[in-house]
C-alpha atoms as a PDB file:
ATOM      1  CA  MET A   1      12.965  -4.077  18.616  1.00  0.00           C
ATOM      2  CA  LYS A   2      14.254  -4.924  22.118  1.00  0.00           C
ATOM      3  CA  LYS A   3      17.436  -2.966  21.394  1.00  0.00           C
ATOM      4  CA  VAL A   4      15.376   0.034  20.281  1.00  0.00           C
ATOM      5  CA  GLY A   5      13.336  -0.110  23.499  1.00  0.00           C
ATOM      6  CA  LEU A   6      16.516  -0.306  25.589  1.00  0.00           C
ATOM      7  CA  VAL A   7      17.973   2.757  23.830  1.00  0.00           C
ATOM      8  CA  LEU A   8      14.771   4.743  24.451  1.00  0.00           C
ATOM      9  CA  ILE A   9      14.760   3.767  28.153  1.00  0.00           C
ATOM     10  CA  ILE A  10      18.388   4.899  28.518  1.00  0.00           C
ATOM     11  CA  LEU A  11      17.634   8.222  26.794  1.00  0.00           C
ATOM     12  CA  ILE A  12      14.613   8.811  29.036  1.00  0.00           C
ATOM     13  CA  ASN A  13      16.719   8.141  32.159  1.00  0.00           C
ATOM     14  CA  LEU A  14      19.404  10.532  30.926  1.00  0.00           C
ATOM     15  CA  ALA A  15      16.914  13.261  30.049  1.00  0.00           C
ATOM     16  CA  TRP A  16      14.655  12.903  33.104  1.00  0.00           C
ATOM     17  CA  PRO A  17      16.669  15.272  35.332  1.00  0.00           C
ATOM     18  CA  LEU A  18      16.146  17.982  32.724  1.00  0.00           C
ATOM     19  CA  GLN A  19      13.076  20.186  32.845  1.00  0.00           C
ATOM     20  CA  ALA A  20      10.156  18.464  31.067  1.00  0.00           C
ATOM     21  CA  ILE A  21       8.309  20.915  28.873  1.00  0.00           C
ATOM     22  CA  GLU A  22       5.089  19.051  28.258  1.00  0.00           C
ATOM     23  CA  PHE A  23       3.357  15.738  27.961  1.00  0.00           C
ATOM     24  CA  LYS A  24       1.453  15.882  24.677  1.00  0.00           C
ATOM     25  CA  ARG A  25      -1.357  14.120  22.901  1.00  0.00           C
ATOM     26  CA  ILE A  26      -0.595  13.811  19.196  1.00  0.00           C
ATOM     27  CA  ILE A  27      -3.194  13.273  16.461  1.00  0.00           C
ATOM     28  CA  GLY A  28      -3.578  13.940  12.763  1.00  0.00           C
ATOM     29  CA  PRO A  29      -3.845  12.564   9.226  1.00  0.00           C
ATOM     30  CA  VAL A  30      -1.136  10.626   7.408  1.00  0.00           C
ATOM     31  CA  PHE A  31      -0.588  10.222   3.654  1.00  0.00           C
ATOM     32  CA  SER A  32       1.479   7.119   2.944  1.00  0.00           C
ATOM     33  CA  SER A  33       2.679   5.082  -0.008  1.00  0.00           C
ATOM     34  CA  PHE A  34       5.423   2.714  -1.101  1.00  0.00           C
ATOM     35  CA  SER A  35       8.411   3.546  -3.256  1.00  0.00           C
ATOM     36  CA  ARG A  36       6.954   1.147  -5.865  1.00  0.00           C
ATOM     37  CA  PRO A  37       3.858  -1.086  -6.168  1.00  0.00           C
ATOM     38  CA  TRP A  38       3.901  -3.932  -3.644  1.00  0.00           C
ATOM     39  CA  PRO A  39       3.958  -7.347  -5.406  1.00  0.00           C
ATOM     40  CA  VAL A  40       0.444  -8.761  -5.158  1.00  0.00           C
ATOM     41  CA  PRO A  41      -0.629 -12.347  -4.504  1.00  0.00           C
ATOM     42  CA  HIS A  42      -1.471 -14.380  -7.622  1.00  0.00           C
ATOM     43  CA  PRO A  43      -0.020 -11.944 -10.205  1.00  0.00           C
ATOM     44  CA  GLU A  44      -1.046 -14.288 -13.006  1.00  0.00           C
ATOM     45  CA  ILE A  45      -4.690 -13.605 -12.103  1.00  0.00           C
ATOM     46  CA  TYR A  46      -4.497 -10.001 -10.908  1.00  0.00           C
ATOM     47  CA  PRO A  47      -1.651  -8.380 -12.872  1.00  0.00           C
ATOM     48  CA  VAL A  48       0.343  -5.397 -11.680  1.00  0.00           C
ATOM     49  CA  ASP A  49       3.306  -3.522 -13.106  1.00  0.00           C
ATOM     50  CA  ASN A  50       6.430  -4.385 -11.118  1.00  0.00           C
ATOM     51  CA  SER A  51       8.860  -2.489 -13.324  1.00  0.00           C
ATOM     52  CA  GLY A  52      11.841  -0.744 -11.800  1.00  0.00           C
ATOM     53  CA  GLY A  53      11.853   2.713 -10.274  1.00  0.00           C
ATOM     54  CA  SER A  54      11.511   4.358  -6.895  1.00  0.00           C
ATOM     55  CA  SER A  55       9.622   7.445  -5.770  1.00  0.00           C
ATOM     56  CA  PRO A  56      10.265   9.570  -2.658  1.00  0.00           C
ATOM     57  CA  SER A  57       6.735  11.019  -2.885  1.00  0.00           C
ATOM     58  CA  PRO A  58       4.204   9.913  -0.236  1.00  0.00           C
ATOM     59  CA  PHE A  59       1.336  11.199  -2.418  1.00  0.00           C
ATOM     60  CA  LYS A  60       1.799   8.904  -5.440  1.00  0.00           C
ATOM     61  CA  ASP A  61      -0.779   6.086  -5.040  1.00  0.00           C
ATOM     62  CA  ASN A  62      -1.173   7.224  -1.443  1.00  0.00           C
ATOM     63  CA  ARG A  63      -3.378   5.797   1.268  1.00  0.00           C
ATOM     64  CA  PHE A  64      -5.042   8.354   3.562  1.00  0.00           C
ATOM     65  CA  SER A  65      -5.574   7.495   7.217  1.00  0.00           C
ATOM     66  CA  PHE A  66      -5.178   8.851  10.763  1.00  0.00           C
ATOM     67  CA  PHE A  67      -2.761   8.287  13.645  1.00  0.00           C
ATOM     68  CA  GLY A  68      -2.557   9.090  17.335  1.00  0.00           C
ATOM     69  CA  GLY A  69      -0.257   8.781  20.298  1.00  0.00           C
ATOM     70  CA  LEU A  70       1.657  10.462  23.099  1.00  0.00           C
ATOM     71  CA  GLY A  71       4.809  12.549  23.244  1.00  0.00           C
ATOM     72  CA  LEU A  72       7.187  13.970  25.814  1.00  0.00           C
ATOM     73  CA  GLU A  73       9.626  16.864  25.329  1.00  0.00           C
ATOM     74  CA  PHE A  74      12.684  17.855  27.359  1.00  0.00           C
ATOM     75  CA  SER A  75      14.514  21.171  27.255  1.00  0.00           C
ATOM     76  CA  LEU A  76      18.221  20.846  26.419  1.00  0.00           C
ATOM     77  CA  SER A  77      18.830  24.588  25.975  1.00  0.00           C
ATOM     78  CA  ARG A  78      16.878  27.772  25.213  1.00  0.00           C
ATOM     79  CA  VAL A  79      16.510  26.757  21.548  1.00  0.00           C
ATOM     80  CA  LEU A  80      16.964  22.956  21.614  1.00  0.00           C
ATOM     81  CA  GLU A  81      14.564  20.215  22.759  1.00  0.00           C
ATOM     82  CA  LEU A  82      14.587  16.414  22.828  1.00  0.00           C
ATOM     83  CA  GLY A  83      11.316  14.712  21.879  1.00  0.00           C
ATOM     84  CA  LEU A  84      10.145  11.147  22.495  1.00  0.00           C
ATOM     85  CA  GLU A  85       6.919   9.890  20.901  1.00  0.00           C
ATOM     86  CA  THR A  86       4.929   6.686  20.648  1.00  0.00           C
ATOM     87  CA  LEU A  87       2.327   6.539  17.864  1.00  0.00           C
ATOM     88  CA  TYR A  88      -0.147   4.056  16.430  1.00  0.00           C
ATOM     89  CA  LYS A  89      -0.439   4.436  12.642  1.00  0.00           C
ATOM     90  CA  GLU A  90      -2.299   2.772   9.791  1.00  0.00           C
ATOM     91  CA  THR A  91      -0.291   3.317   6.624  1.00  0.00           C
ATOM     92  CA  GLY A  92       0.128   1.560   3.265  1.00  0.00           C
ATOM     93  CA  SER A  93      -0.653   2.325  -0.345  1.00  0.00           C
ATOM     94  CA  GLN A  94      -3.209   1.852  -3.085  1.00  0.00           C
ATOM     95  CA  HIS A  95      -3.048   1.779  -6.852  1.00  0.00           C
ATOM     96  CA  ARG A  96      -5.121   1.024  -9.920  1.00  0.00           C
ATOM     97  CA  VAL A  97      -4.372  -1.305 -12.836  1.00  0.00           C
ATOM     98  CA  ASP A  98      -6.382  -1.068 -16.076  1.00  0.00           C
ATOM     99  CA  THR A  99      -6.609  -4.199 -18.237  1.00  0.00           C
ATOM    100  CA  GLY A 100      -6.754  -4.427 -22.028  1.00  0.00           C
ATOM    101  CA  PHE A 101     -10.521  -4.897 -21.821  1.00  0.00           C
ATOM    102  CA  PHE A 102     -11.013  -1.528 -20.054  1.00  0.00           C
ATOM    103  CA  ASP A 103     -11.724  -3.225 -16.752  1.00  0.00           C
ATOM    104  CA  SER A 104      -9.828  -2.126 -13.640  1.00  0.00           C
ATOM    105  CA  TYR A 105      -8.319  -3.687 -10.534  1.00  0.00           C
ATOM    106  CA  PHE A 106      -7.823  -1.634  -7.361  1.00  0.00           C
ATOM    107  CA  TYR A 107      -5.206  -2.722  -4.831  1.00  0.00           C
ATOM    108  CA  GLU A 108      -5.340  -1.515  -1.221  1.00  0.00           C
ATOM    109  CA  PHE A 109      -2.505  -2.297   1.208  1.00  0.00           C
ATOM    110  CA  GLN A 110      -2.910  -1.580   4.917  1.00  0.00           C
ATOM    111  CA  LEU A 111      -0.011  -1.680   7.362  1.00  0.00           C
ATOM    112  CA  LYS A 112      -0.659  -1.304  11.079  1.00  0.00           C
ATOM    113  CA  GLU A 113       2.371  -0.230  13.071  1.00  0.00           C
ATOM    114  CA  ILE A 114       3.577   1.043  16.432  1.00  0.00           C
ATOM    115  CA  SER A 115       6.170   3.798  16.039  1.00  0.00           C
ATOM    116  CA  CYS A 116       8.740   5.031  18.571  1.00  0.00           C
ATOM    117  CA  LEU A 117      10.309   8.334  17.541  1.00  0.00           C
ATOM    118  CA  LEU A 118      13.423  10.100  18.754  1.00  0.00           C
ATOM    119  CA  LEU A 119      13.418  13.761  17.659  1.00  0.00           C
ATOM    120  CA  LEU A 120      15.676  16.775  18.019  1.00  0.00           C
ATOM    121  CA  LYS A 121      13.772  20.042  17.790  1.00  0.00           C
ATOM    122  CA  THR A 122      15.336  23.492  17.413  1.00  0.00           C
ATOM    123  CA  HIS A 123      13.755  26.936  17.334  1.00  0.00           C
ATOM    124  CA  PHE A 124      15.012  29.329  14.677  1.00  0.00           C
ATOM    125  CA  TRP A 125      16.025  31.900  17.305  1.00  0.00           C
ATOM    126  CA  LYS A 126      15.641  32.456  21.033  1.00  0.00           C
ATOM    127  CA  GLY A 127      12.066  32.860  22.131  1.00  0.00           C
ATOM    128  CA  SER A 128      10.648  32.122  18.680  1.00  0.00           C
ATOM    129  CA  ARG A 129       7.692  29.837  18.049  1.00  0.00           C
ATOM    130  CA  PRO A 130       8.594  28.307  14.636  1.00  0.00           C
ATOM    131  CA  TYR A 131      10.877  25.257  14.794  1.00  0.00           C
ATOM    132  CA  PHE A 132      12.674  22.647  12.711  1.00  0.00           C
ATOM    133  CA  LEU A 133      13.049  19.001  13.713  1.00  0.00           C
ATOM    134  CA  VAL A 134      15.062  15.982  12.628  1.00  0.00           C
ATOM    135  CA  GLY A 135      15.077  12.436  13.968  1.00  0.00           C
ATOM    136  CA  ALA A 136      14.323   8.781  13.447  1.00  0.00           C
ATOM    137  CA  ASP A 137      11.183   6.626  13.514  1.00  0.00           C
ATOM    138  CA  PHE A 138      11.612   3.036  14.722  1.00  0.00           C
ATOM    139  CA  SER A 139       8.428   1.105  13.813  1.00  0.00           C
ATOM    140  CA  TYR A 140       7.192  -2.379  14.631  1.00  0.00           C
ATOM    141  CA  ILE A 141       4.834  -3.649  11.921  1.00  0.00           C
ATOM    142  CA  LEU A 142       1.808  -5.391  13.447  1.00  0.00           C
ATOM    143  CA  SER A 143       0.135  -6.486  10.207  1.00  0.00           C
ATOM    144  CA  ASN A 144       0.053  -6.013   6.441  1.00  0.00           C
ATOM    145  CA  ARG A 145      -3.106  -6.901   4.525  1.00  0.00           C
ATOM    146  CA  CYS A 146      -4.036  -6.613   0.858  1.00  0.00           C
ATOM    147  CA  GLN A 147      -7.491  -6.206  -0.674  1.00  0.00           C
ATOM    148  CA  VAL A 148      -8.137  -6.414  -4.422  1.00  0.00           C
ATOM    149  CA  PHE A 149     -11.289  -4.944  -5.983  1.00  0.00           C
ATOM    150  CA  TYR A 150     -12.540  -5.493  -9.533  1.00  0.00           C
ATOM    151  CA  GLN A 151     -14.480  -2.824 -11.442  1.00  0.00           C
ATOM    152  CA  PRO A 152     -15.962  -3.704 -14.880  1.00  0.00           C
ATOM    153  CA  GLU A 153     -16.028  -1.235 -17.748  1.00  0.00           C
ATOM    154  CA  ALA A 154     -18.768   1.450 -17.493  1.00  0.00           C
ATOM    155  CA  SER A 155     -19.551   0.491 -13.889  1.00  0.00           C
ATOM    156  CA  GLN A 156     -19.169   2.433 -10.652  1.00  0.00           C
ATOM    157  CA  VAL A 157     -19.413  -0.669  -8.459  1.00  0.00           C
ATOM    158  CA  ARG A 158     -16.270  -2.366  -7.140  1.00  0.00           C
ATOM    159  CA  GLU A 159     -16.352  -6.033  -6.170  1.00  0.00           C
ATOM    160  CA  LYS A 160     -13.846  -7.459  -3.705  1.00  0.00           C
ATOM    161  CA  VAL A 161     -12.158 -10.452  -5.340  1.00  0.00           C
ATOM    162  CA  LEU A 162      -9.246 -11.111  -2.992  1.00  0.00           C
ATOM    163  CA  GLU A 163      -8.093 -10.433   0.564  1.00  0.00           C
ATOM    164  CA  ALA A 164      -4.710 -11.699   1.723  1.00  0.00           C
ATOM    165  CA  ASP A 165      -2.494 -11.548   4.801  1.00  0.00           C
ATOM    166  CA  LEU A 166       0.983 -10.390   3.747  1.00  0.00           C
ATOM    167  CA  LYS A 167       2.670 -10.344   7.161  1.00  0.00           C
ATOM    168  CA  SER A 168       4.906 -13.326   6.305  1.00  0.00           C
ATOM    169  CA  LEU A 169       6.183 -11.377   3.264  1.00  0.00           C
ATOM    170  CA  THR A 170       6.805  -8.198   5.238  1.00  0.00           C
ATOM    171  CA  ARG A 171       9.762  -7.050   7.303  1.00  0.00           C
ATOM    172  CA  LYS A 172       8.898  -6.920  11.013  1.00  0.00           C
ATOM    173  CA  THR A 173      10.464  -3.503  11.630  1.00  0.00           C
ATOM    174  CA  ASP A 174      10.967  -0.277   9.727  1.00  0.00           C
ATOM    175  CA  LEU A 175      13.360   2.632  10.199  1.00  0.00           C
ATOM    176  CA  ALA A 176      12.652   6.062   8.730  1.00  0.00           C
ATOM    177  CA  LEU A 177      14.468   9.386   8.570  1.00  0.00           C
ATOM    178  CA  VAL A 178      12.224  12.183   9.888  1.00  0.00           C
ATOM    179  CA  LEU A 179      12.275  15.853   8.847  1.00  0.00           C
ATOM    180  CA  GLY A 180       9.705  18.461   9.840  1.00  0.00           C
ATOM    181  CA  LEU A 181       8.657  22.070  10.363  1.00  0.00           C
ATOM    182  CA  GLY A 182       6.246  23.303  12.976  1.00  0.00           C
ATOM    183  CA  LEU A 183       4.845  26.129  15.048  1.00  0.00           C
ATOM    184  CA  ASP A 184       4.210  26.290  18.807  1.00  0.00           C
ATOM    185  CA  ALA A 185       1.481  28.484  20.253  1.00  0.00           C
ATOM    186  CA  GLY A 186       0.346  29.118  23.808  1.00  0.00           C
ATOM    187  CA  ILE A 187      -3.425  28.653  24.180  1.00  0.00           C
ATOM    188  CA  PHE A 188      -5.120  28.694  27.612  1.00  0.00           C
ATOM    189  CA  LYS A 189      -1.774  28.048  29.345  1.00  0.00           C
ATOM    190  CA  ARG A 190      -1.143  24.978  27.147  1.00  0.00           C
ATOM    191  CA  ILE A 191       1.353  24.561  24.344  1.00  0.00           C
ATOM    192  CA  VAL A 192      -0.328  23.618  21.058  1.00  0.00           C
ATOM    193  CA  SER A 193       1.860  22.502  18.137  1.00  0.00           C
ATOM    194  CA  VAL A 194       0.959  22.423  14.453  1.00  0.00           C
ATOM    195  CA  GLU A 195       3.485  20.518  12.392  1.00  0.00           C
ATOM    196  CA  CYS A 196       4.132  18.933   9.003  1.00  0.00           C
ATOM    197  CA  ARG A 197       6.509  15.975   8.903  1.00  0.00           C
ATOM    198  CA  TYR A 198       8.058  13.830   6.171  1.00  0.00           C
ATOM    199  CA  GLU A 199       9.340  10.299   6.817  1.00  0.00           C
ATOM    200  CA  LEU A 200      11.592   8.456   4.373  1.00  0.00           C
ATOM    201  CA  GLY A 201      11.802   4.702   4.975  1.00  0.00           C
ATOM    202  CA  LEU A 202      15.300   3.227   4.653  1.00  0.00           C
ATOM    203  CA  PRO A 203      15.075  -0.618   4.708  1.00  0.00           C
ATOM    204  CA  ASP A 204      13.367  -2.885   2.173  1.00  0.00           C
ATOM    205  CA  LEU A 205      10.003  -3.994   3.626  1.00  0.00           C
ATOM    206  CA  TYR A 206       9.350  -6.779   1.094  1.00  0.00           C
ATOM    207  CA  ARG A 207      10.467 -10.306   2.018  1.00  0.00           C
ATOM    208  CA  GLY A 208       9.043 -12.238  -0.951  1.00  0.00           C
ATOM    209  CA  PRO A 209      10.713 -13.972  -3.930  1.00  0.00           C
ATOM    210  CA  MET A 210       9.316 -11.893  -6.800  1.00  0.00           C
ATOM    211  CA  LEU A 211      11.524 -10.105  -9.334  1.00  0.00           C
ATOM    212  CA  ALA A 212      10.698  -6.954 -11.282  1.00  0.00           C
ATOM    213  CA  ASN A 213      10.072  -7.034 -15.022  1.00  0.00           C
ATOM    214  CA  ASP A 214      13.704  -6.101 -15.646  1.00  0.00           C
ATOM    215  CA  GLY A 215      14.946  -9.068 -13.593  1.00  0.00           C
ATOM    216  CA  ARG A 216      16.071  -7.097 -10.525  1.00  0.00           C
ATOM    217  CA  PRO A 217      14.783  -7.963  -7.019  1.00  0.00           C
ATOM    218  CA  VAL A 218      11.753  -6.001  -5.868  1.00  0.00           C
ATOM    219  CA  THR A 219      12.541  -3.326  -3.263  1.00  0.00           C
ATOM    220  CA  VAL A 220       9.680  -1.638  -1.392  1.00  0.00           C
ATOM    221  CA  ARG A 221      10.290   1.247   1.024  1.00  0.00           C
ATOM    222  CA  SER A 222       7.821   3.365   2.999  1.00  0.00           C
ATOM    223  CA  ARG A 223       7.017   7.034   2.396  1.00  0.00           C
ATOM    224  CA  GLN A 224       4.888   9.098   4.804  1.00  0.00           C
ATOM    225  CA  PHE A 225       3.691  12.687   5.175  1.00  0.00           C
ATOM    226  CA  LEU A 226       2.017  13.606   8.481  1.00  0.00           C
ATOM    227  CA  LEU A 227       0.039  16.675   9.522  1.00  0.00           C
ATOM    228  CA  ILE A 228       0.254  16.882  13.287  1.00  0.00           C
ATOM    229  CA  ILE A 229      -1.660  18.597  16.036  1.00  0.00           C
ATOM    230  CA  GLY A 230      -0.050  18.223  19.445  1.00  0.00           C
ATOM    231  CA  TYR A 231      -1.417  19.696  22.659  1.00  0.00           C
ATOM    232  CA  GLY A 232      -0.237  19.594  26.234  1.00  0.00           C
ATOM    233  CA  ILE A 233      -1.989  17.367  28.788  1.00  0.00           C
ATOM    234  CA  ARG A 234       0.085  18.287  31.865  1.00  0.00           C
END
């Protein structure tokens, strides 16, 4: 994480002589999930399917939450911009397991993270408002907690049966590829951005000993889809 911070400081110093476009507040919802179910504590009591497979979709077993932070953009040319962002996000996943007795267990995983993003943003043509962006998200994971709820057959009430701290079984940092599309608009002499962004986690977040049902090591990667509203504060 120290290396990531040093790289960002160097980039800021290099870009500072350029014309800053805007300081921005950034807020919005995030849909997040894992590439496969996270191995749960005490699987002999609260079973979950750890079979193989990986999904790039952030909407399968997704957890819905919100994020917020600050961004800064620098003009590199008439159609190219460099963006730096720092965000606080609560991500994770949730899924349901039905037992043979028609009872259900609900698993909720909550990751809290600080993200530092380096983005390259290009407009489709000179003077246009729509844009495409690509970049990387370097995240430091603050915590990872699991809650398990039990719901009996023919009941609408869920009872919490387990809460566990999974930080010791979780990688401290994450790195994600970022792709996005957006639209800039001038409103009351401020630039307002509306953007959709997809983040594909690259490293394995799981640091536990469990194997999948087919005998292969468990690999868990992050998936995120963000809807972003950014507005200038300068």
